[in-house]
Amino acid sequence: MSDDDLHSVVDLRGPEDIVRARQGGRQLAARLGFGLADQTRLATAISEIARNALHYGGGGTCEITGRHERILYEIRVSVTDQGPGIPDLDKALTPGFSTGNSLGLGLPGARRLVDEMTIDSVPGQTNVTLTMRRRGVR
């Protein structure tokens, strides 16, 4: 498996790009040997974060990277947009809180589906990084 097989970038400009990002994450997880449940969790988390970038940030990019070292397998997804930023991150991470008439499950739901989620947000740029790790999946 080459490094090119472990990296992809999807421009998020429309709803079809959310599907492409989701599929890219699922395919990479499968290539690295992650189980079906992990593939589904990752794809769902990507969907939520990519949808937020499109809806609130006006679009952006989704970069998906996989790596393996001996028995550690990791997938990192970085979704970046140039929108207004998240004014109150604590509120945004509270289940049920929404500024867009939704159920308010996007960010908190994505956080529960992966091993690690970090958010860096200032006016003009938000970056959400999702990480999923497994030992000895191959």
C-alpha atoms as a PDB file:
ATOM      1  CA  MET A   1       0.000   0.000   0.000  1.00  0.00           C
ATOM      2  CA  SER A   2       1.599   3.265  -1.091  1.00  0.00           C
ATOM      3  CA  ASP A   3       1.313   6.612   0.677  1.00  0.00           C
ATOM      4  CA  ASP A   4      -0.855   7.839  -2.233  1.00  0.00           C
ATOM      5  CA  ASP A   5      -3.384   5.133  -1.335  1.00  0.00           C
ATOM      6  CA  LEU A   6      -3.578   6.572   2.167  1.00  0.00           C
ATOM      7  CA  HIS A   7      -4.402  10.190   1.338  1.00  0.00           C
ATOM      8  CA  SER A   8      -7.223  11.996  -0.409  1.00  0.00           C
ATOM      9  CA  VAL A   9      -8.682  15.489  -0.549  1.00  0.00           C
ATOM     10  CA  VAL A  10     -12.301  16.317  -1.352  1.00  0.00           C
ATOM     11  CA  ASP A  11     -13.436  19.871  -2.063  1.00  0.00           C
ATOM     12  CA  LEU A  12     -16.737  20.474  -0.291  1.00  0.00           C
ATOM     13  CA  ARG A  13     -18.875  22.560  -2.638  1.00  0.00           C
ATOM     14  CA  GLY A  14     -22.181  20.685  -2.730  1.00  0.00           C
ATOM     15  CA  PRO A  15     -24.102  17.810  -1.136  1.00  0.00           C
ATOM     16  CA  GLU A  16     -22.549  15.284  -3.523  1.00  0.00           C
ATOM     17  CA  ASP A  17     -19.118  16.172  -2.109  1.00  0.00           C
ATOM     18  CA  ILE A  18     -20.273  15.129   1.361  1.00  0.00           C
ATOM     19  CA  VAL A  19     -21.042  11.714  -0.117  1.00  0.00           C
ATOM     20  CA  ARG A  20     -17.587  11.598  -1.773  1.00  0.00           C
ATOM     21  CA  ALA A  21     -15.849  12.514   1.503  1.00  0.00           C
ATOM     22  CA  ARG A  22     -17.865   9.913   3.391  1.00  0.00           C
ATOM     23  CA  GLN A  23     -17.024   7.229   0.810  1.00  0.00           C
ATOM     24  CA  GLY A  24     -13.349   8.201   0.863  1.00  0.00           C
ATOM     25  CA  GLY A  25     -13.156   7.748   4.624  1.00  0.00           C
ATOM     26  CA  ARG A  26     -15.004   4.439   4.517  1.00  0.00           C
ATOM     27  CA  GLN A  27     -12.785   3.102   1.708  1.00  0.00           C
ATOM     28  CA  LEU A  28      -9.578   4.090   3.485  1.00  0.00           C
ATOM     29  CA  ALA A  29     -10.777   2.509   6.719  1.00  0.00           C
ATOM     30  CA  ALA A  30     -11.532  -0.708   4.815  1.00  0.00           C
ATOM     31  CA  ARG A  31      -8.082  -0.652   3.156  1.00  0.00           C
ATOM     32  CA  LEU A  32      -6.453  -0.361   6.567  1.00  0.00           C
ATOM     33  CA  GLY A  33      -8.492  -3.283   7.870  1.00  0.00           C
ATOM     34  CA  PHE A  34     -10.899  -1.412  10.139  1.00  0.00           C
ATOM     35  CA  GLY A  35     -14.096  -3.367  10.770  1.00  0.00           C
ATOM     36  CA  LEU A  36     -17.472  -2.515   9.264  1.00  0.00           C
ATOM     37  CA  ALA A  37     -18.709  -0.853  12.475  1.00  0.00           C
ATOM     38  CA  ASP A  38     -15.642   1.425  12.571  1.00  0.00           C
ATOM     39  CA  GLN A  39     -16.033   2.210   8.861  1.00  0.00           C
ATOM     40  CA  THR A  40     -19.639   3.234   9.486  1.00  0.00           C
ATOM     41  CA  ARG A  41     -18.775   5.347  12.547  1.00  0.00           C
ATOM     42  CA  LEU A  42     -16.046   7.161  10.630  1.00  0.00           C
ATOM     43  CA  ALA A  43     -18.262   7.758   7.585  1.00  0.00           C
ATOM     44  CA  THR A  44     -21.046   9.119   9.801  1.00  0.00           C
ATOM     45  CA  ALA A  45     -18.681  11.478  11.638  1.00  0.00           C
ATOM     46  CA  ILE A  46     -17.286  12.728   8.307  1.00  0.00           C
ATOM     47  CA  SER A  47     -20.820  13.349   7.049  1.00  0.00           C
ATOM     48  CA  GLU A  48     -21.696  15.462  10.068  1.00  0.00           C
ATOM     49  CA  ILE A  49     -18.554  17.587   9.978  1.00  0.00           C
ATOM     50  CA  ALA A  50     -18.533  18.002   6.176  1.00  0.00           C
ATOM     51  CA  ARG A  51     -22.217  19.004   6.262  1.00  0.00           C
ATOM     52  CA  ASN A  52     -21.414  21.659   8.874  1.00  0.00           C
ATOM     53  CA  ALA A  53     -18.569  23.022   6.739  1.00  0.00           C
ATOM     54  CA  LEU A  54     -20.882  23.252   3.761  1.00  0.00           C
ATOM     55  CA  HIS A  55     -23.886  24.674   5.633  1.00  0.00           C
ATOM     56  CA  TYR A  56     -22.205  27.060   8.082  1.00  0.00           C
ATOM     57  CA  GLY A  57     -18.832  27.657   6.430  1.00  0.00           C
ATOM     58  CA  GLY A  58     -19.939  27.942   2.808  1.00  0.00           C
ATOM     59  CA  GLY A  59     -17.851  24.939   1.759  1.00  0.00           C
ATOM     60  CA  GLY A  60     -14.289  23.896   2.363  1.00  0.00           C
ATOM     61  CA  THR A  61     -12.029  20.876   2.083  1.00  0.00           C
ATOM     62  CA  CYS A  62     -11.905  17.429   3.627  1.00  0.00           C
ATOM     63  CA  GLU A  63      -8.479  15.831   3.826  1.00  0.00           C
ATOM     64  CA  ILE A  64      -8.342  12.156   4.761  1.00  0.00           C
ATOM     65  CA  THR A  65      -5.038  10.546   5.716  1.00  0.00           C
ATOM     66  CA  GLY A  66      -4.238   7.046   6.882  1.00  0.00           C
ATOM     67  CA  ARG A  67      -1.069   5.697   8.375  1.00  0.00           C
ATOM     68  CA  HIS A  68       0.190   2.514   9.908  1.00  0.00           C
ATOM     69  CA  GLU A  69       3.207   1.817  12.043  1.00  0.00           C
ATOM     70  CA  ARG A  70       3.746  -1.763  13.059  1.00  0.00           C
ATOM     71  CA  ILE A  71       0.495  -2.572  14.850  1.00  0.00           C
ATOM     72  CA  LEU A  72      -1.017   0.938  15.075  1.00  0.00           C
ATOM     73  CA  TYR A  73      -3.443   2.022  12.356  1.00  0.00           C
ATOM     74  CA  GLU A  74      -4.743   5.578  12.280  1.00  0.00           C
ATOM     75  CA  ILE A  75      -7.079   7.615  10.121  1.00  0.00           C
ATOM     76  CA  ARG A  76      -7.114  11.379  10.452  1.00  0.00           C
ATOM     77  CA  VAL A  77      -9.762  13.530   8.794  1.00  0.00           C
ATOM     78  CA  SER A  78      -9.322  17.296   8.658  1.00  0.00           C
ATOM     79  CA  VAL A  79     -12.276  19.413   7.526  1.00  0.00           C
ATOM     80  CA  THR A  80     -11.509  23.100   7.003  1.00  0.00           C
ATOM     81  CA  ASP A  81     -13.732  25.994   5.968  1.00  0.00           C
ATOM     82  CA  GLN A  82     -13.359  29.773   5.733  1.00  0.00           C
ATOM     83  CA  GLY A  83     -16.725  30.600   7.314  1.00  0.00           C
ATOM     84  CA  PRO A  84     -17.568  32.835  10.273  1.00  0.00           C
ATOM     85  CA  GLY A  85     -16.162  30.449  12.859  1.00  0.00           C
ATOM     86  CA  ILE A  86     -17.899  28.893  15.842  1.00  0.00           C
ATOM     87  CA  PRO A  87     -18.598  31.724  18.300  1.00  0.00           C
ATOM     88  CA  ASP A  88     -19.217  29.533  21.376  1.00  0.00           C
ATOM     89  CA  LEU A  89     -17.506  26.175  21.063  1.00  0.00           C
ATOM     90  CA  ASP A  90     -18.736  24.897  24.428  1.00  0.00           C
ATOM     91  CA  LYS A  91     -22.356  25.501  23.420  1.00  0.00           C
ATOM     92  CA  ALA A  92     -21.779  24.011  19.970  1.00  0.00           C
ATOM     93  CA  LEU A  93     -20.525  20.805  21.614  1.00  0.00           C
ATOM     94  CA  THR A  94     -23.612  20.538  23.829  1.00  0.00           C
ATOM     95  CA  PRO A  95     -26.075  17.913  22.564  1.00  0.00           C
ATOM     96  CA  GLY A  96     -29.278  19.604  21.451  1.00  0.00           C
ATOM     97  CA  PHE A  97     -27.765  23.054  20.863  1.00  0.00           C
ATOM     98  CA  SER A  98     -28.233  24.338  17.315  1.00  0.00           C
ATOM     99  CA  THR A  99     -27.993  27.654  15.514  1.00  0.00           C
ATOM    100  CA  GLY A 100     -29.437  26.199  12.328  1.00  0.00           C
ATOM    101  CA  ASN A 101     -32.789  24.670  13.305  1.00  0.00           C
ATOM    102  CA  SER A 102     -31.349  21.151  13.452  1.00  0.00           C
ATOM    103  CA  LEU A 103     -31.352  18.565  16.221  1.00  0.00           C
ATOM    104  CA  GLY A 104     -27.991  19.836  17.442  1.00  0.00           C
ATOM    105  CA  LEU A 105     -26.330  16.444  17.241  1.00  0.00           C
ATOM    106  CA  GLY A 106     -23.644  17.114  14.593  1.00  0.00           C
ATOM    107  CA  LEU A 107     -20.546  18.080  16.578  1.00  0.00           C
ATOM    108  CA  PRO A 108     -21.335  16.168  19.791  1.00  0.00           C
ATOM    109  CA  GLY A 109     -22.420  13.141  17.768  1.00  0.00           C
ATOM    110  CA  ALA A 110     -19.254  13.158  15.663  1.00  0.00           C
ATOM    111  CA  ARG A 111     -17.147  13.479  18.811  1.00  0.00           C
ATOM    112  CA  ARG A 112     -18.717  10.310  20.246  1.00  0.00           C
ATOM    113  CA  LEU A 113     -18.047   8.321  17.063  1.00  0.00           C
ATOM    114  CA  VAL A 114     -14.274   8.768  16.892  1.00  0.00           C
ATOM    115  CA  ASP A 115     -11.353   8.429  19.292  1.00  0.00           C
ATOM    116  CA  GLU A 116     -10.396  12.084  19.195  1.00  0.00           C
ATOM    117  CA  MET A 117     -11.841  15.309  17.842  1.00  0.00           C
ATOM    118  CA  THR A 118     -10.189  18.714  17.946  1.00  0.00           C
ATOM    119  CA  ILE A 119     -11.677  21.995  16.813  1.00  0.00           C
ATOM    120  CA  ASP A 120      -9.784  25.185  16.058  1.00  0.00           C
ATOM    121  CA  SER A 121     -12.118  28.009  15.140  1.00  0.00           C
ATOM    122  CA  VAL A 122     -11.691  31.724  14.623  1.00  0.00           C
ATOM    123  CA  PRO A 123     -13.632  34.095  12.380  1.00  0.00           C
ATOM    124  CA  GLY A 124     -12.578  33.210   8.839  1.00  0.00           C
ATOM    125  CA  GLN A 125     -11.438  29.644   9.503  1.00  0.00           C
ATOM    126  CA  THR A 126     -12.610  26.531  11.281  1.00  0.00           C
ATOM    127  CA  ASN A 127     -10.710  23.254  11.283  1.00  0.00           C
ATOM    128  CA  VAL A 128     -12.188  20.091  12.740  1.00  0.00           C
ATOM    129  CA  THR A 129      -9.881  17.086  12.998  1.00  0.00           C
ATOM    130  CA  LEU A 130     -11.254  13.603  13.612  1.00  0.00           C
ATOM    131  CA  THR A 131      -8.942  10.732  14.531  1.00  0.00           C
ATOM    132  CA  MET A 132      -9.675   7.024  14.750  1.00  0.00           C
ATOM    133  CA  ARG A 133      -7.000   4.551  15.884  1.00  0.00           C
ATOM    134  CA  ARG A 134      -6.887   0.797  16.138  1.00  0.00           C
ATOM    135  CA  ARG A 135      -4.155  -1.633  17.114  1.00  0.00           C
ATOM    136  CA  GLY A 136      -3.476  -4.733  15.051  1.00  0.00           C
ATOM    137  CA  VAL A 137      -6.462  -4.464  12.739  1.00  0.00           C
ATOM    138  CA  ARG A 138      -4.637  -6.047   9.786  1.00  0.00           C
END
